[in-house]
Amino acid sequence: MRNFKNSTIYQIYTKSFQDSNGDGLGDLNGVTSRLDYLKELGVDYIWLTPFFVSPMNDNGYDVADYTAVDPSFGTMEDACRLIAEAKLRGIGLMFDMVFNHTSTEHEWFLRAMKGEEKYMNYYIFRDGSPDLPPTNWESKFGGNAWEYVPHLKKWYLHLFDVTQADLNWDNPEVREELKKVILFWKEKGIEGFRFDVVNLISKPEQLENDEIGDGRRFYTDGPHVHEYLKELVRDTGIADMVTVGEMSSTSLENCIRYSNPAEKELSMVFSFHHLKVDYRDGKKWELKAPDYQELKSLLETWQMGMQKANGWNAVFWCNHDQPRIVSRLGDDQNYWKESAKMLAACIHLLRGTPYLFQGEELGMTNPGYPDITYYKDVESTNYYEIMRSQGKTKAEALQILAARSRDNGRTPMQWNGGKEAGFTEGTPWITIPQNHEYINVETEKEDETSILNYYKKLIALRKESSIIADGKIEFLYQENPDVLAYRRFNEQGELRVFNNFTGQKVVLEENVAGYAVLLGNYEDAQESQAGIVLRPYETVVYRK
């Protein structure tokens, strides 16, 4: 296993990366055709979102067959060629395992619906009358988390879409089936795995109503989750591979356990607390201005807590479920290039393994769709109807979707300024933003000051510097809400990183005598007798 601490992992949303056959959908051969770009960028691993057989109700996160390639993405031969070609370029493939639930079109669930006891025990069924669900838990996609099956006179649990039935991990047969999936892809040459919402796999034996929330406090980081993860890792021999778990509404204490090498569970974890600082009252579908002091506090808490207890973070701003960060925490109108670079340096120089979502290295923005017909995501269309039923106007609901929809991060990769951004020769499955005319790979490769070339520097620095890869971290200016600043250090030296999160000038009383500028997003760093002068959205990194 290569050193994941000095690596950068690039997430590809397969459906939106590159179409090779003109059907408007990204595919495996499209990914293979762009491997040289990724090698030049300098990334070490590709996390590929699900391309398995699926009805695509949740864009592939509703898996109907874990060991078969959906024809819309290609063939098994295409998958094996991608793995081999990536390896030739020094890039490892990480596949996305959706093990909390399956599609209701999976053979296991279809057999459960026929009343076969063996397969009913693969899922979480409960008796009940048609008008009274077993609990009042809410689905993360809206509505009740239970669906009634009249001919069985039972309810099944679906924490996500109604077509995504939760698996019963308390059943040893289920755990054995999922181990076989890991071993199947391991034998194909996979070098890592990403586990989707894996901290939700263990539900309590006794299910009860949640009188103060939506039910998540009962099943998040559940009673046997650490036990089941240890078993999965041990029995598949993936302890020496790169693994990351997506942790929904998790706790720092649990994430330390998930990622501490002594526990033999996962290499690292995704947590999302820092991406809720613009949620009003903690609700995704209620907007508020980002609370930068809260952002600073959360990043510091997680960074220092994981460092103290030998845990390891996956550090990131974007993925296929999140809006584009430059539209969210930056200024994609007045300081597009500056704020995109600042956000890049801020996250990539933290303690942890950075994840880069396709197009983030270009400064891709939210598309700003003008009508609900542009949206494809099941969560977004569901919540649009919910918001309208709650009395929000069409304009209000669209404003919220423009900021929150998962489709914001799913628009196709912008390769050039042509009609469909070089993504497809056909009609793309989702509309491409107009700004692809200037935000694209072809344009940015030729511009030395581009966001793309800035990311290349950051990725190279992590490989060159042990201070960045595994040095310690300490936060500075904790009480200043405008600036996120920290120092990274080890016996090899020290870096001081200053990030201005505002569109205003900020002056810091900081003595940097004896330090040299390592990196910045303006042509030169400004200093005065008062200290460091940070211009709007400026980042500057000093080394000693």
Protein backbone atom coordinates (compact mmCIF):
# COMPACT_ATOMS: atom_id res chain seq x y z
CA MET A 1 0.00 0.00 0.00
CA ARG A 2 1.31 3.44 -0.92
CA ASN A 3 1.44 6.09 1.80
CA PHE A 4 -2.08 7.49 1.96
CA LYS A 5 -0.89 10.38 4.14
CA ASN A 6 1.02 12.03 1.30
CA SER A 7 -1.56 11.04 -1.32
CA THR A 8 -4.38 12.97 -2.93
CA ILE A 9 -7.57 11.11 -3.85
CA TYR A 10 -9.69 12.24 -6.79
CA GLN A 11 -13.39 11.48 -6.79
CA ILE A 12 -15.06 10.75 -10.11
CA TYR A 13 -18.83 10.86 -10.39
CA THR A 14 -18.86 8.35 -13.21
CA LYS A 15 -22.08 9.54 -14.81
CA SER A 16 -20.71 13.07 -15.27
CA PHE A 17 -17.00 12.68 -16.01
CA GLN A 18 -16.66 11.68 -19.67
CA ASP A 19 -19.02 10.12 -22.18
CA SER A 20 -17.29 7.85 -24.71
CA ASN A 21 -20.23 6.73 -26.85
CA GLY A 22 -22.42 9.81 -27.32
CA ASP A 23 -25.37 8.73 -25.18
CA GLY A 24 -25.00 11.70 -22.83
CA LEU A 25 -23.89 9.60 -19.85
CA GLY A 26 -20.36 9.31 -18.52
CA ASP A 27 -18.94 5.79 -18.62
CA LEU A 28 -15.93 3.65 -17.74
CA ASN A 29 -14.23 4.03 -21.12
CA GLY A 30 -14.63 7.77 -20.71
CA VAL A 31 -12.71 7.61 -17.44
CA THR A 32 -9.98 5.51 -19.06
CA SER A 33 -9.64 8.08 -21.85
CA ARG A 34 -8.88 10.81 -19.29
CA LEU A 35 -6.30 8.97 -17.17
CA ASP A 36 -3.40 10.94 -18.62
CA TYR A 37 -5.05 14.15 -17.39
CA LEU A 38 -5.28 12.68 -13.90
CA LYS A 39 -1.67 11.52 -13.97
CA GLU A 40 -0.58 15.03 -14.97
CA LEU A 41 -2.69 16.46 -12.16
CA GLY A 42 -0.70 14.23 -9.80
CA VAL A 43 -3.43 12.31 -7.98
CA ASP A 44 -2.66 8.91 -6.43
CA TYR A 45 -6.06 7.25 -6.23
CA ILE A 46 -9.38 7.54 -8.06
CA TRP A 47 -12.51 7.03 -6.00
CA LEU A 48 -15.08 5.95 -8.56
CA THR A 49 -18.74 6.30 -7.64
CA PRO A 50 -20.98 3.25 -8.23
CA PHE A 51 -21.25 1.91 -11.77
CA PHE A 52 -22.91 -1.35 -10.75
CA VAL A 53 -26.25 -2.60 -12.10
CA SER A 54 -28.91 -0.25 -10.77
CA PRO A 55 -32.31 1.22 -11.66
CA MET A 56 -30.61 4.59 -10.99
CA ASN A 57 -33.29 5.97 -8.68
CA ASP A 58 -30.42 7.39 -6.62
CA ASN A 59 -27.85 7.64 -9.41
CA GLY A 60 -26.27 4.27 -8.71
CA TYR A 61 -26.38 4.32 -4.92
CA ASP A 62 -29.29 1.90 -5.24
CA VAL A 63 -27.36 -1.23 -6.23
CA ALA A 64 -29.16 -4.19 -7.79
CA ASP A 65 -26.01 -6.29 -8.39
CA TYR A 66 -22.71 -5.53 -6.67
CA THR A 67 -20.56 -7.61 -9.01
CA ALA A 68 -21.94 -6.60 -12.41
CA VAL A 69 -21.40 -3.46 -14.47
CA ASP A 70 -24.51 -1.53 -15.46
CA PRO A 71 -24.67 -1.50 -19.28
CA SER A 72 -25.03 2.29 -19.24
CA PHE A 73 -21.45 2.47 -17.92
CA GLY A 74 -19.90 -0.30 -20.03
CA THR A 75 -18.85 -3.89 -19.45
CA MET A 76 -16.78 -5.90 -17.00
CA GLU A 77 -14.02 -5.87 -19.62
CA ASP A 78 -14.13 -2.06 -19.58
CA ALA A 79 -13.86 -2.04 -15.78
CA CYS A 80 -10.85 -4.36 -15.81
CA ARG A 81 -9.16 -2.29 -18.51
CA LEU A 82 -9.67 0.88 -16.47
CA ILE A 83 -8.09 -0.76 -13.41
CA ALA A 84 -5.11 -1.95 -15.45
CA GLU A 85 -4.57 1.32 -17.33
CA ALA A 86 -4.75 3.34 -14.11
CA LYS A 87 -2.20 1.06 -12.48
CA LEU A 88 0.17 1.58 -15.42
CA ARG A 89 0.05 5.30 -14.61
CA GLY A 90 0.66 4.79 -10.90
CA ILE A 91 -2.96 5.44 -9.95
CA GLY A 92 -4.95 3.10 -7.71
CA LEU A 93 -8.71 2.53 -8.08
CA MET A 94 -11.06 2.79 -5.09
CA PHE A 95 -14.58 1.47 -5.60
CA ASP A 96 -17.66 2.68 -3.76
CA MET A 97 -19.42 0.04 -1.68
CA VAL A 98 -23.05 0.81 -0.78
CA PHE A 99 -23.54 -1.73 2.00
CA ASN A 100 -26.17 -0.08 4.20
CA HIS A 101 -28.92 -0.87 1.71
CA THR A 102 -29.66 -2.40 -1.68
CA SER A 103 -32.03 -1.51 -4.45
CA THR A 104 -35.46 -3.05 -4.12
CA GLU A 105 -34.64 -4.59 -7.53
CA HIS A 106 -31.77 -6.61 -6.05
CA GLU A 107 -32.36 -10.36 -6.28
CA TRP A 108 -32.25 -10.62 -2.49
CA PHE A 109 -35.09 -8.15 -2.04
CA LEU A 110 -37.14 -9.60 -4.90
CA ARG A 111 -36.96 -12.99 -3.20
CA ALA A 112 -37.83 -11.40 0.13
CA MET A 113 -40.94 -9.95 -1.50
CA LYS A 114 -41.93 -13.47 -2.53
CA GLY A 115 -42.01 -14.30 1.16
CA GLU A 116 -38.80 -16.38 1.23
CA GLU A 117 -37.80 -16.31 4.90
CA LYS A 118 -34.07 -16.54 4.20
CA TYR A 119 -34.11 -13.33 2.19
CA MET A 120 -36.64 -11.53 4.35
CA ASN A 121 -34.01 -11.88 7.07
CA TYR A 122 -31.55 -10.05 4.79
CA TYR A 123 -33.59 -6.89 5.40
CA ILE A 124 -35.32 -5.16 8.31
CA PHE A 125 -38.99 -6.15 8.21
CA ARG A 126 -41.44 -5.51 11.01
CA ASP A 127 -45.07 -6.47 11.55
CA GLY A 128 -47.66 -3.74 11.73
CA SER A 129 -50.99 -2.46 10.55
CA PRO A 130 -51.11 -0.51 7.27
CA ASP A 131 -51.77 2.81 9.02
CA LEU A 132 -49.12 2.54 11.77
CA PRO A 133 -45.41 2.33 10.84
CA PRO A 134 -43.17 0.55 13.37
CA THR A 135 -41.55 3.87 14.31
CA ASN A 136 -41.86 7.54 13.39
CA TRP A 137 -38.32 7.68 11.93
CA GLU A 138 -37.92 9.96 8.94
CA SER A 139 -36.20 9.04 5.68
CA LYS A 140 -33.21 11.20 4.82
CA PHE A 141 -34.95 11.86 1.50
CA GLY A 142 -38.18 12.97 3.15
CA GLY A 143 -41.26 11.16 4.47
CA ASN A 144 -41.48 8.15 6.75
CA ALA A 145 -38.59 5.67 6.75
CA TRP A 146 -40.90 2.64 6.54
CA GLU A 147 -42.81 1.22 3.57
CA TYR A 148 -45.76 -1.14 3.94
CA VAL A 149 -45.95 -4.33 1.85
CA PRO A 150 -49.63 -5.37 1.78
CA HIS A 151 -49.19 -8.99 0.70
CA LEU A 152 -46.61 -9.61 3.45
CA LYS A 153 -48.46 -7.47 6.00
CA LYS A 154 -45.08 -6.09 7.01
CA TRP A 155 -43.09 -2.86 6.80
CA TYR A 156 -39.49 -2.61 5.62
CA LEU A 157 -37.00 0.04 6.69
CA HIS A 158 -35.48 2.45 4.16
CA LEU A 159 -33.40 5.24 5.68
CA PHE A 160 -33.04 6.67 2.18
CA ASP A 161 -35.34 6.34 -0.84
CA VAL A 162 -38.25 3.90 -0.74
CA THR A 163 -36.39 1.87 -3.41
CA GLN A 164 -33.35 1.50 -1.10
CA ALA A 165 -34.11 -1.15 1.51
CA ASP A 166 -31.80 -1.30 4.53
CA LEU A 167 -29.84 -4.51 4.98
CA ASN A 168 -29.93 -6.47 8.23
CA TRP A 169 -26.28 -6.61 9.30
CA ASP A 170 -27.25 -8.55 12.43
CA ASN A 171 -27.75 -11.51 10.09
CA PRO A 172 -24.35 -13.27 9.65
CA GLU A 173 -25.40 -14.43 6.17
CA VAL A 174 -25.66 -10.79 5.03
CA ARG A 175 -22.17 -10.04 6.32
CA GLU A 176 -20.80 -13.07 4.47
CA GLU A 177 -22.46 -11.98 1.22
CA LEU A 178 -20.89 -8.53 1.48
CA LYS A 179 -17.44 -9.99 2.19
CA LYS A 180 -17.75 -11.91 -1.08
CA VAL A 181 -18.34 -8.61 -2.90
CA ILE A 182 -15.15 -7.12 -1.44
CA LEU A 183 -13.13 -10.20 -2.37
CA PHE A 184 -14.53 -10.19 -5.91
CA TRP A 185 -13.28 -6.66 -6.62
CA LYS A 186 -10.07 -7.13 -4.67
CA GLU A 187 -9.18 -9.96 -7.03
CA LYS A 188 -9.76 -7.62 -9.97
CA GLY A 189 -6.96 -5.36 -8.75
CA ILE A 190 -8.75 -2.71 -6.72
CA GLU A 191 -6.45 -0.84 -4.32
CA GLY A 192 -9.02 0.68 -1.99
CA PHE A 193 -12.66 0.98 -1.00
CA ARG A 194 -14.98 3.78 0.02
CA PHE A 195 -17.88 2.64 2.21
CA ASP A 196 -21.10 4.60 1.82
CA VAL A 197 -22.88 5.73 5.06
CA VAL A 198 -21.19 2.80 6.76
CA ASN A 199 -21.84 4.04 10.29
CA LEU A 200 -25.57 3.39 9.79
CA ILE A 201 -25.27 -0.36 9.24
CA SER A 202 -26.00 -1.43 12.83
CA LYS A 203 -29.54 -0.79 14.02
CA PRO A 204 -30.74 -1.33 17.61
CA GLU A 205 -32.53 -4.60 18.36
CA GLN A 206 -35.48 -2.79 19.87
CA LEU A 207 -36.85 -0.04 17.61
CA GLU A 208 -38.63 2.89 19.20
CA ASN A 209 -40.16 6.22 18.29
CA ASP A 210 -38.02 9.33 18.42
CA GLU A 211 -39.97 12.03 20.23
CA ILE A 212 -37.25 14.69 19.84
CA GLY A 213 -35.72 14.01 16.40
CA ASP A 214 -35.93 12.04 13.17
CA GLY A 215 -34.62 8.74 14.56
CA ARG A 216 -30.95 9.08 13.67
CA ARG A 217 -29.81 9.08 17.30
CA PHE A 218 -30.92 5.44 17.52
CA TYR A 219 -29.12 4.05 14.48
CA THR A 220 -26.11 6.37 13.91
CA ASP A 221 -22.86 4.71 15.04
CA GLY A 222 -25.06 1.81 16.15
CA PRO A 223 -24.47 -0.84 18.81
CA HIS A 224 -22.37 -3.29 16.73
CA VAL A 225 -20.89 -1.03 14.04
CA HIS A 226 -17.27 -1.30 15.22
CA GLU A 227 -17.57 -5.04 15.68
CA TYR A 228 -18.99 -5.50 12.17
CA LEU A 229 -16.36 -3.29 10.54
CA LYS A 230 -13.53 -5.15 12.26
CA GLU A 231 -14.99 -8.43 11.02
CA LEU A 232 -15.37 -7.17 7.45
CA VAL A 233 -11.80 -5.87 7.30
CA ARG A 234 -10.29 -8.94 8.97
CA ASP A 235 -12.08 -11.52 6.86
CA THR A 236 -11.42 -9.80 3.53
CA GLY A 237 -7.78 -8.96 4.20
CA ILE A 238 -8.17 -5.27 3.33
CA ALA A 239 -6.40 -3.92 6.41
CA ASP A 240 -3.41 -3.05 4.21
CA MET A 241 -5.56 -1.27 1.58
CA VAL A 242 -6.77 2.34 1.60
CA THR A 243 -10.27 2.48 3.00
CA VAL A 244 -12.51 5.39 3.90
CA GLY A 245 -15.88 5.42 5.55
CA GLU A 246 -18.59 7.99 4.95
CA MET A 247 -19.91 8.80 8.41
CA SER A 248 -23.37 10.32 8.61
CA SER A 249 -24.10 12.56 11.63
CA THR A 250 -21.27 10.87 13.48
CA SER A 251 -19.22 11.79 16.55
CA LEU A 252 -15.53 12.56 16.95
CA GLU A 253 -15.18 9.76 19.50
CA ASN A 254 -16.50 7.16 17.09
CA CYS A 255 -14.40 8.48 14.19
CA ILE A 256 -11.26 8.16 16.29
CA ARG A 257 -12.14 4.49 16.75
CA TYR A 258 -12.99 3.98 13.07
CA SER A 259 -9.63 5.39 11.91
CA ASN A 260 -7.13 4.63 14.67
CA PRO A 261 -4.75 1.98 13.19
CA ALA A 262 -4.84 0.03 16.46
CA GLU A 263 -8.56 -0.65 15.96
CA LYS A 264 -8.02 -2.27 12.53
CA GLU A 265 -11.16 -0.78 11.02
CA LEU A 266 -10.60 1.95 8.37
CA SER A 267 -7.74 4.12 7.11
CA MET A 268 -9.75 7.33 7.46
CA VAL A 269 -13.22 8.82 7.73
CA PHE A 270 -15.42 11.44 6.12
CA SER A 271 -17.39 13.59 8.54
CA PHE A 272 -19.69 16.43 7.50
CA HIS A 273 -20.13 18.72 10.48
CA HIS A 274 -18.07 21.49 8.85
CA LEU A 275 -20.42 21.47 5.85
CA LYS A 276 -23.46 22.36 7.93
CA VAL A 277 -22.34 25.84 9.00
CA ASP A 278 -24.80 27.41 6.56
CA TYR A 279 -27.76 25.29 7.74
CA ARG A 280 -30.34 27.30 9.68
CA ASP A 281 -31.15 25.48 12.93
CA GLY A 282 -29.22 22.48 11.57
CA LYS A 283 -31.68 21.98 8.71
CA LYS A 284 -30.28 21.44 5.23
CA TRP A 285 -33.27 23.00 3.47
CA GLU A 286 -33.19 26.24 5.49
CA LEU A 287 -30.63 28.82 4.32
CA LYS A 288 -28.40 31.11 6.32
CA ALA A 289 -25.08 32.88 5.71
CA PRO A 290 -22.08 30.67 6.56
CA ASP A 291 -20.93 30.95 10.17
CA TYR A 292 -17.16 31.12 9.71
CA GLN A 293 -16.43 31.10 13.43
CA GLU A 294 -18.37 27.85 13.71
CA LEU A 295 -16.47 26.48 10.70
CA LYS A 296 -13.14 27.32 12.35
CA SER A 297 -14.24 25.77 15.63
CA LEU A 298 -15.41 22.54 14.00
CA LEU A 299 -12.27 22.11 11.91
CA GLU A 300 -10.10 22.76 14.95
CA THR A 301 -12.06 20.36 17.16
CA TRP A 302 -11.82 17.53 14.64
CA GLN A 303 -8.21 18.18 13.64
CA MET A 304 -6.94 18.41 17.21
CA GLY A 305 -9.10 15.55 18.46
CA MET A 306 -7.97 13.17 15.72
CA GLN A 307 -4.34 14.22 16.17
CA LYS A 308 -4.42 13.63 19.92
CA ALA A 309 -5.92 10.15 19.60
CA ASN A 310 -4.12 8.98 16.43
CA GLY A 311 -7.17 9.11 14.18
CA TRP A 312 -7.07 10.24 10.55
CA ASN A 313 -9.38 12.55 8.63
CA ALA A 314 -10.35 12.60 4.99
CA VAL A 315 -10.29 16.37 4.40
CA PHE A 316 -12.56 17.79 1.72
CA TRP A 317 -15.00 20.49 0.66
CA CYS A 318 -16.86 18.84 -2.24
CA ASN A 319 -18.32 15.55 -3.36
CA HIS A 320 -21.28 14.29 -5.39
CA ASP A 321 -23.66 15.14 -2.53
CA GLN A 322 -22.44 18.68 -1.86
CA PRO A 323 -22.75 22.03 -3.66
CA ARG A 324 -19.65 23.53 -5.26
CA ILE A 325 -17.51 25.08 -2.54
CA VAL A 326 -16.54 28.23 -4.46
CA SER A 327 -20.26 29.06 -4.75
CA ARG A 328 -20.87 28.15 -1.14
CA LEU A 329 -18.01 29.58 0.93
CA GLY A 330 -16.23 31.67 -1.69
CA ASP A 331 -17.31 34.40 -4.09
CA ASP A 332 -17.90 32.90 -7.53
CA GLN A 333 -18.68 36.30 -9.03
CA ASN A 334 -16.20 38.91 -7.82
CA TYR A 335 -13.33 36.76 -6.51
CA TRP A 336 -13.87 33.48 -8.30
CA LYS A 337 -10.22 32.61 -8.91
CA GLU A 338 -8.92 33.99 -5.59
CA SER A 339 -11.54 32.34 -3.40
CA ALA A 340 -11.28 28.99 -5.19
CA LYS A 341 -7.52 28.96 -4.60
CA MET A 342 -7.87 30.06 -0.98
CA LEU A 343 -10.33 27.26 -0.26
CA ALA A 344 -8.03 24.78 -1.99
CA ALA A 345 -4.97 25.68 0.10
CA CYS A 346 -7.01 25.85 3.29
CA ILE A 347 -8.23 22.25 3.02
CA HIS A 348 -5.21 20.64 1.32
CA LEU A 349 -2.72 21.78 3.95
CA LEU A 350 -4.69 20.42 6.90
CA ARG A 351 -3.72 17.21 8.70
CA GLY A 352 -5.45 14.41 6.78
CA THR A 353 -5.75 12.98 3.28
CA PRO A 354 -7.28 15.48 0.83
CA TYR A 355 -10.10 14.46 -1.50
CA LEU A 356 -10.62 16.40 -4.70
CA PHE A 357 -13.96 16.17 -6.47
CA GLN A 358 -13.96 16.34 -10.26
CA GLY A 359 -14.06 19.93 -11.49
CA GLU A 360 -13.13 21.36 -8.10
CA GLU A 361 -9.63 21.81 -9.49
CA LEU A 362 -11.15 24.07 -12.15
CA GLY A 363 -13.23 26.16 -9.78
CA MET A 364 -16.49 24.77 -11.17
CA THR A 365 -19.54 26.54 -9.73
CA ASN A 366 -23.16 25.74 -8.93
CA PRO A 367 -25.21 25.92 -12.18
CA GLY A 368 -28.00 28.18 -10.89
CA TYR A 369 -30.80 26.33 -12.66
CA PRO A 370 -33.87 28.52 -13.29
CA ASP A 371 -36.59 25.86 -13.05
CA ILE A 372 -37.35 22.56 -11.30
CA THR A 373 -37.34 20.75 -14.66
CA TYR A 374 -33.53 21.06 -14.74
CA TYR A 375 -33.12 19.01 -11.58
CA LYS A 376 -32.67 15.23 -11.73
CA ASP A 377 -31.81 14.27 -8.13
CA VAL A 378 -34.51 12.35 -6.26
CA GLU A 379 -33.77 14.17 -2.99
CA SER A 380 -34.06 17.55 -4.70
CA THR A 381 -37.33 16.82 -6.51
CA ASN A 382 -38.80 15.30 -3.33
CA TYR A 383 -37.88 18.31 -1.23
CA TYR A 384 -39.08 20.77 -3.85
CA GLU A 385 -42.56 19.28 -3.47
CA ILE A 386 -42.23 19.25 0.32
CA MET A 387 -41.18 22.92 0.37
CA ARG A 388 -44.04 23.90 -1.94
CA SER A 389 -46.51 22.00 0.26
CA GLN A 390 -45.16 23.89 3.28
CA GLY A 391 -46.06 27.18 1.66
CA LYS A 392 -42.81 28.27 0.07
CA THR A 393 -43.18 30.02 -3.25
CA LYS A 394 -41.67 28.59 -6.42
CA ALA A 395 -38.95 31.23 -6.30
CA GLU A 396 -38.12 30.48 -2.65
CA ALA A 397 -37.93 26.74 -3.28
CA LEU A 398 -35.71 27.23 -6.34
CA GLN A 399 -33.41 29.56 -4.40
CA ILE A 400 -32.91 26.84 -1.79
CA LEU A 401 -32.30 24.17 -4.44
CA ALA A 402 -29.78 26.45 -6.17
CA ALA A 403 -27.79 26.48 -2.94
CA ARG A 404 -28.39 22.97 -1.62
CA SER A 405 -29.22 20.47 -4.38
CA ARG A 406 -26.91 17.54 -4.90
CA ASP A 407 -27.19 18.25 -8.63
CA ASN A 408 -24.98 21.30 -8.04
CA GLY A 409 -21.99 18.98 -7.84
CA ARG A 410 -23.17 16.56 -10.53
CA THR A 411 -23.04 18.69 -13.65
CA PRO A 412 -20.64 17.27 -16.26
CA MET A 413 -16.90 17.84 -16.15
CA GLN A 414 -15.95 20.91 -18.17
CA TRP A 415 -13.17 19.84 -20.53
CA ASN A 416 -13.37 22.66 -23.07
CA GLY A 417 -15.44 25.65 -24.14
CA GLY A 418 -17.36 23.77 -26.85
CA LYS A 419 -21.09 23.18 -27.01
CA GLU A 420 -21.25 20.40 -24.42
CA ALA A 421 -17.94 21.19 -22.70
CA GLY A 422 -16.18 18.23 -24.32
CA PHE A 423 -18.17 15.89 -22.08
CA THR A 424 -20.30 14.30 -24.80
CA GLU A 425 -21.08 14.42 -28.50
CA GLY A 426 -24.71 13.76 -27.63
CA THR A 427 -27.16 15.44 -25.26
CA PRO A 428 -25.89 15.46 -21.67
CA TRP A 429 -28.08 13.82 -19.05
CA ILE A 430 -28.12 17.10 -17.10
CA THR A 431 -27.63 20.66 -18.34
CA ILE A 432 -24.08 22.02 -18.41
CA PRO A 433 -23.47 25.50 -16.92
CA GLN A 434 -22.85 28.30 -19.41
CA ASN A 435 -19.62 29.29 -17.68
CA HIS A 436 -17.92 26.21 -19.14
CA GLU A 437 -16.88 28.59 -21.91
CA TYR A 438 -14.13 29.91 -19.63
CA ILE A 439 -14.08 27.43 -16.73
CA ASN A 440 -12.60 24.36 -18.42
CA VAL A 441 -9.49 22.20 -18.57
CA GLU A 442 -8.34 23.35 -21.99
CA THR A 443 -8.33 27.03 -21.02
CA GLU A 444 -6.85 26.56 -17.56
CA LYS A 445 -3.99 24.30 -18.66
CA GLU A 446 -2.61 27.21 -20.69
CA ASP A 447 -2.91 29.77 -17.87
CA GLU A 448 -0.02 29.64 -15.37
CA THR A 449 -2.16 31.46 -12.79
CA SER A 450 -5.18 29.16 -13.18
CA ILE A 451 -6.95 27.29 -10.41
CA LEU A 452 -5.98 24.03 -12.13
CA ASN A 453 -2.26 24.82 -12.01
CA TYR A 454 -2.60 25.93 -8.39
CA TYR A 455 -4.03 22.52 -7.48
CA LYS A 456 -1.11 20.83 -9.21
CA LYS A 457 1.24 22.74 -6.90
CA LEU A 458 -0.70 21.73 -3.80
CA ILE A 459 -0.75 18.05 -4.79
CA ALA A 460 3.01 18.10 -5.51
CA LEU A 461 3.79 19.88 -2.22
CA ARG A 462 2.11 17.14 -0.19
CA LYS A 463 4.40 14.54 -1.81
CA GLU A 464 7.49 16.68 -1.26
CA SER A 465 6.87 17.82 2.32
CA SER A 466 6.63 15.56 5.34
CA ILE A 467 5.40 18.61 7.27
CA ILE A 468 2.22 18.59 5.15
CA ALA A 469 1.89 14.81 4.88
CA ASP A 470 2.10 13.92 8.56
CA GLY A 471 3.29 16.92 10.58
CA LYS A 472 1.40 18.17 13.60
CA ILE A 473 -1.13 20.98 13.49
CA GLU A 474 -1.87 23.90 15.80
CA PHE A 475 -4.49 26.59 15.16
CA LEU A 476 -3.84 30.34 15.29
CA TYR A 477 -6.13 33.37 15.68
CA GLN A 478 -8.97 31.20 16.97
CA GLU A 479 -11.10 34.22 17.92
CA ASN A 480 -10.82 35.98 14.54
CA PRO A 481 -13.90 34.94 12.52
CA ASP A 482 -12.46 36.27 9.25
CA VAL A 483 -9.28 34.21 9.13
CA LEU A 484 -8.62 30.50 9.33
CA ALA A 485 -4.95 30.15 10.27
CA TYR A 486 -2.82 27.28 11.49
CA ARG A 487 0.74 26.03 11.69
CA ARG A 488 2.00 22.65 10.52
CA PHE A 489 5.27 21.46 11.97
CA ASN A 490 7.64 18.57 12.62
CA GLU A 491 11.39 18.13 13.08
CA GLN A 492 11.89 19.16 9.43
CA GLY A 493 10.48 22.64 9.90
CA GLU A 494 7.28 24.68 10.08
CA LEU A 495 4.58 26.12 7.82
CA ARG A 496 2.19 28.93 8.74
CA VAL A 497 -1.02 29.05 6.71
CA PHE A 498 -3.28 32.12 6.65
CA ASN A 499 -6.66 32.14 4.85
CA ASN A 500 -8.92 35.18 4.56
CA PHE A 501 -12.53 34.02 4.22
CA THR A 502 -13.89 37.50 3.49
CA GLY A 503 -14.07 39.96 0.62
CA GLN A 504 -12.40 42.57 2.84
CA LYS A 505 -8.77 43.31 3.69
CA VAL A 506 -7.59 41.84 6.99
CA VAL A 507 -4.44 42.83 8.89
CA LEU A 508 -2.84 40.34 11.29
CA GLU A 509 -0.24 41.29 13.90
CA GLU A 510 1.99 38.42 12.86
CA ASN A 511 5.79 38.45 12.90
CA VAL A 512 7.05 36.40 9.96
CA ALA A 513 10.68 37.51 10.14
CA GLY A 514 12.84 34.55 9.15
CA TYR A 515 10.03 32.96 7.13
CA ALA A 516 9.82 32.72 3.33
CA VAL A 517 6.63 32.66 1.28
CA LEU A 518 6.01 29.12 0.03
CA LEU A 519 2.66 29.63 -1.67
CA GLY A 520 0.03 32.28 -2.23
CA ASN A 521 -2.94 33.01 -4.46
CA TYR A 522 -1.87 36.56 -5.27
CA GLU A 523 1.32 37.37 -7.14
CA ASP A 524 3.06 38.60 -3.98
CA ALA A 525 2.43 38.56 -0.24
CA GLN A 526 1.92 41.92 1.43
CA GLU A 527 3.48 42.77 4.74
CA SER A 528 3.60 46.00 6.71
CA GLN A 529 4.94 47.21 10.04
CA ALA A 530 1.66 46.07 11.52
CA GLY A 531 2.14 42.51 10.29
CA ILE A 532 0.56 40.55 7.41
CA VAL A 533 -1.96 42.21 5.12
CA LEU A 534 -4.43 39.70 3.67
CA ARG A 535 -6.37 40.93 0.65
CA PRO A 536 -9.89 39.62 -0.16
CA TYR A 537 -9.92 35.81 -0.11
CA GLU A 538 -6.14 35.74 0.07
CA THR A 539 -4.20 32.72 1.23
CA VAL A 540 -0.50 32.86 2.01
CA VAL A 541 1.75 30.08 3.29
CA TYR A 542 5.04 30.84 5.03
CA ARG A 543 7.76 28.30 5.69
CA LYS A 544 10.68 28.20 8.09
